[in-house]
C-alpha atoms as a PDB file:
ATOM      1  CA  MET A   1       0.000   0.000   0.000  1.00  0.00           C
ATOM      2  CA  LYS A   2       2.839   2.394   0.865  1.00  0.00           C
ATOM      3  CA  THR A   3       4.594   1.786  -2.459  1.00  0.00           C
ATOM      4  CA  GLU A   4       1.279   2.390  -4.237  1.00  0.00           C
ATOM      5  CA  THR A   5       1.053   5.820  -2.588  1.00  0.00           C
ATOM      6  CA  ILE A   6       4.648   6.605  -3.567  1.00  0.00           C
ATOM      7  CA  ASP A   7       3.949   5.536  -7.161  1.00  0.00           C
ATOM      8  CA  LYS A   8       0.862   7.762  -7.310  1.00  0.00           C
ATOM      9  CA  ALA A   9       2.778  10.720  -5.873  1.00  0.00           C
ATOM     10  CA  SER A  10       5.629  10.304  -8.364  1.00  0.00           C
ATOM     11  CA  LYS A  11       3.133  10.095 -11.251  1.00  0.00           C
ATOM     12  CA  LEU A  12       1.450  13.305 -10.107  1.00  0.00           C
ATOM     13  CA  GLN A  13       4.803  15.079  -9.717  1.00  0.00           C
ATOM     14  CA  SER A  14       5.784  14.049 -13.234  1.00  0.00           C
ATOM     15  CA  LEU A  15       2.785  16.071 -14.467  1.00  0.00           C
ATOM     16  CA  GLU A  16       4.511  19.167 -13.040  1.00  0.00           C
ATOM     17  CA  LEU A  17       1.753  19.857 -10.528  1.00  0.00           C
ATOM     18  CA  SER A  18       2.341  22.041  -7.505  1.00  0.00           C
ATOM     19  CA  HIS A  19       2.452  20.603  -3.987  1.00  0.00           C
ATOM     20  CA  SER A  20      -1.006  22.013  -3.210  1.00  0.00           C
ATOM     21  CA  GLU A  21      -2.498  20.644  -6.451  1.00  0.00           C
ATOM     22  CA  ILE A  22      -1.191  17.177  -5.597  1.00  0.00           C
ATOM     23  CA  GLN A  23      -2.776  17.356  -2.136  1.00  0.00           C
ATOM     24  CA  VAL A  24      -6.131  18.437  -3.593  1.00  0.00           C
ATOM     25  CA  LEU A  25      -6.077  15.598  -6.152  1.00  0.00           C
ATOM     26  CA  GLU A  26      -5.219  13.060  -3.446  1.00  0.00           C
ATOM     27  CA  MET A  27      -8.216  14.245  -1.396  1.00  0.00           C
ATOM     28  CA  ILE A  28     -10.512  13.989  -4.417  1.00  0.00           C
ATOM     29  CA  ARG A  29      -9.275  10.517  -5.319  1.00  0.00           C
ATOM     30  CA  SER A  30      -9.703   9.231  -1.752  1.00  0.00           C
ATOM     31  CA  LYS A  31     -13.497   9.633  -2.194  1.00  0.00           C
ATOM     32  CA  ARG A  32     -13.871  10.251   1.561  1.00  0.00           C
ATOM     33  CA  PHE A  33     -15.131  13.799   1.247  1.00  0.00           C
ATOM     34  CA  LEU A  34     -18.608  15.145   0.561  1.00  0.00           C
ATOM     35  CA  SER A  35     -17.090  18.485  -0.425  1.00  0.00           C
ATOM     36  CA  ILE A  36     -13.688  20.129  -0.711  1.00  0.00           C
ATOM     37  CA  LYS A  37     -13.189  23.890  -0.418  1.00  0.00           C
ATOM     38  CA  LEU A  38     -10.026  25.765  -1.365  1.00  0.00           C
ATOM     39  CA  VAL A  39      -8.968  29.077   0.160  1.00  0.00           C
ATOM     40  CA  ILE A  40      -6.665  30.911  -2.241  1.00  0.00           C
ATOM     41  CA  LYS A  41      -4.308  33.759  -1.329  1.00  0.00           C
ATOM     42  CA  ASN A  42      -2.118  35.524  -3.865  1.00  0.00           C
ATOM     43  CA  GLY A  43      -3.103  33.036  -6.554  1.00  0.00           C
ATOM     44  CA  GLU A  44      -1.946  30.001  -4.535  1.00  0.00           C
ATOM     45  CA  VAL A  45      -3.906  27.486  -2.468  1.00  0.00           C
ATOM     46  CA  ASP A  46      -3.469  28.493   1.183  1.00  0.00           C
ATOM     47  CA  VAL A  47      -5.969  26.245   2.993  1.00  0.00           C
ATOM     48  CA  ILE A  48      -7.920  23.130   2.057  1.00  0.00           C
ATOM     49  CA  GLU A  49     -11.189  22.388   3.858  1.00  0.00           C
ATOM     50  CA  GLY A  50     -12.719  18.937   3.586  1.00  0.00           C
ATOM     51  CA  LEU A  51     -16.195  17.870   4.706  1.00  0.00           C
ATOM     52  CA  GLU A  52     -16.529  14.191   5.520  1.00  0.00           C
ATOM     53  CA  ARG A  53     -19.215  12.038   7.079  1.00  0.00           C
ATOM     54  CA  MET A  54     -17.912  10.150  10.108  1.00  0.00           C
ATOM     55  CA  ASP A  55     -18.876   6.763  11.498  1.00  0.00           C
ATOM     56  CA  THR A  56     -21.510   7.393  14.191  1.00  0.00           C
ATOM     57  CA  GLY A  57     -20.012   4.641  16.348  1.00  0.00           C
ATOM     58  CA  LYS A  58     -16.777   6.552  17.037  1.00  0.00           C
ATOM     59  CA  ARG A  59     -16.253   8.249  20.359  1.00  0.00           C
ATOM     60  CA  ILE A  60     -16.433  12.040  20.086  1.00  0.00           C
ATOM     61  CA  ILE A  61     -13.234  12.518  22.102  1.00  0.00           C
ATOM     62  CA  ASP A  62     -11.335  10.313  19.628  1.00  0.00           C
ATOM     63  CA  VAL A  63     -12.654  12.341  16.680  1.00  0.00           C
ATOM     64  CA  LEU A  64     -11.601  15.592  18.388  1.00  0.00           C
ATOM     65  CA  LYS A  65      -8.013  14.338  18.734  1.00  0.00           C
ATOM     66  CA  GLN A  66      -7.628  13.558  15.014  1.00  0.00           C
ATOM     67  CA  HIS A  67      -7.166  17.150  13.720  1.00  0.00           C
ATOM     68  CA  ASP A  68      -6.081  20.427  15.270  1.00  0.00           C
ATOM     69  CA  TYR A  69      -8.555  22.562  13.284  1.00  0.00           C
ATOM     70  CA  GLN A  70     -12.008  21.103  12.698  1.00  0.00           C
ATOM     71  CA  ASN A  71     -15.728  21.665  13.107  1.00  0.00           C
ATOM     72  CA  LEU A  72     -18.039  18.837  14.119  1.00  0.00           C
ATOM     73  CA  GLU A  73     -21.734  18.689  13.336  1.00  0.00           C
ATOM     74  CA  ILE A  74     -23.605  16.056  15.347  1.00  0.00           C
ATOM     75  CA  LYS A  75     -27.237  15.234  14.573  1.00  0.00           C
ATOM     76  CA  GLN A  76     -29.346  13.345  17.078  1.00  0.00           C
ATOM     77  CA  SER A  77     -32.760  11.728  16.695  1.00  0.00           C
ATOM     78  CA  ASN A  78     -34.710   9.916  19.415  1.00  0.00           C
ATOM     79  CA  GLY A  79     -31.696  10.093  21.723  1.00  0.00           C
ATOM     80  CA  LYS A  80     -29.308   8.448  19.255  1.00  0.00           C
ATOM     81  CA  ILE A  81     -26.576  10.023  17.151  1.00  0.00           C
ATOM     82  CA  VAL A  82     -27.621   9.570  13.521  1.00  0.00           C
ATOM     83  CA  CYS A  83     -25.053  11.696  11.690  1.00  0.00           C
ATOM     84  CA  VAL A  84     -21.605  13.132  12.376  1.00  0.00           C
ATOM     85  CA  ASN A  85     -20.048  15.482   9.820  1.00  0.00           C
ATOM     86  CA  ARG A  86     -16.562  16.875  10.214  1.00  0.00           C
ATOM     87  CA  THR A  87     -15.058  19.828   8.380  1.00  0.00           C
ATOM     88  CA  PHE A  88     -11.329  20.066   8.859  1.00  0.00           C
ATOM     89  CA  ARG A  89      -8.867  22.689   7.725  1.00  0.00           C
ATOM     90  CA  LYS A  90      -5.409  21.911   6.429  1.00  0.00           C
ATOM     91  CA  LYS A  91      -2.893  24.713   5.899  1.00  0.00           C
ATOM     92  CA  ILE A  92      -0.749  24.112   2.844  1.00  0.00           C
ATOM     93  CA  ASN A  93       2.931  24.213   3.663  1.00  0.00           C
ATOM     94  CA  LEU A  94       4.843  24.782   0.492  1.00  0.00           C
ATOM     95  CA  PRO A  95       7.934  22.589   0.289  1.00  0.00           C
ATOM     96  CA  THR A  96      11.136  24.547   0.545  1.00  0.00           C
ATOM     97  CA  ASN A  97      13.662  23.981  -2.179  1.00  0.00           C
ATOM     98  CA  THR A  98      17.068  23.687  -0.627  1.00  0.00           C
ATOM     99  CA  LYS A  99      20.149  24.184  -2.708  1.00  0.00           C
ATOM    100  CA  SER A 100      23.397  22.514  -1.823  1.00  0.00           C
ATOM    101  CA  CYS A 101      26.631  24.471  -1.979  1.00  0.00           C
END
């Protein structure tokens, strides 16, 4: 599985895509997200927000520990949790190109 991810990443890089474009495509291809929102500053992707439906059987405290920046929407009916949606924010850190002397 790990080599498959490396192969996919190298294929995407060979298309001369930026780091942020690769991350967006990986999120789309994972098919986990109901929606993906991009926040663009100065013509570059600054933040990616992803909305995903969570398993209702997970403990809320465990879900809270998964990401530093997220919003949770919990829907309850007849005393039972019927839907948990999570929107998380991911700041894009552009890779730094280091030059050797």
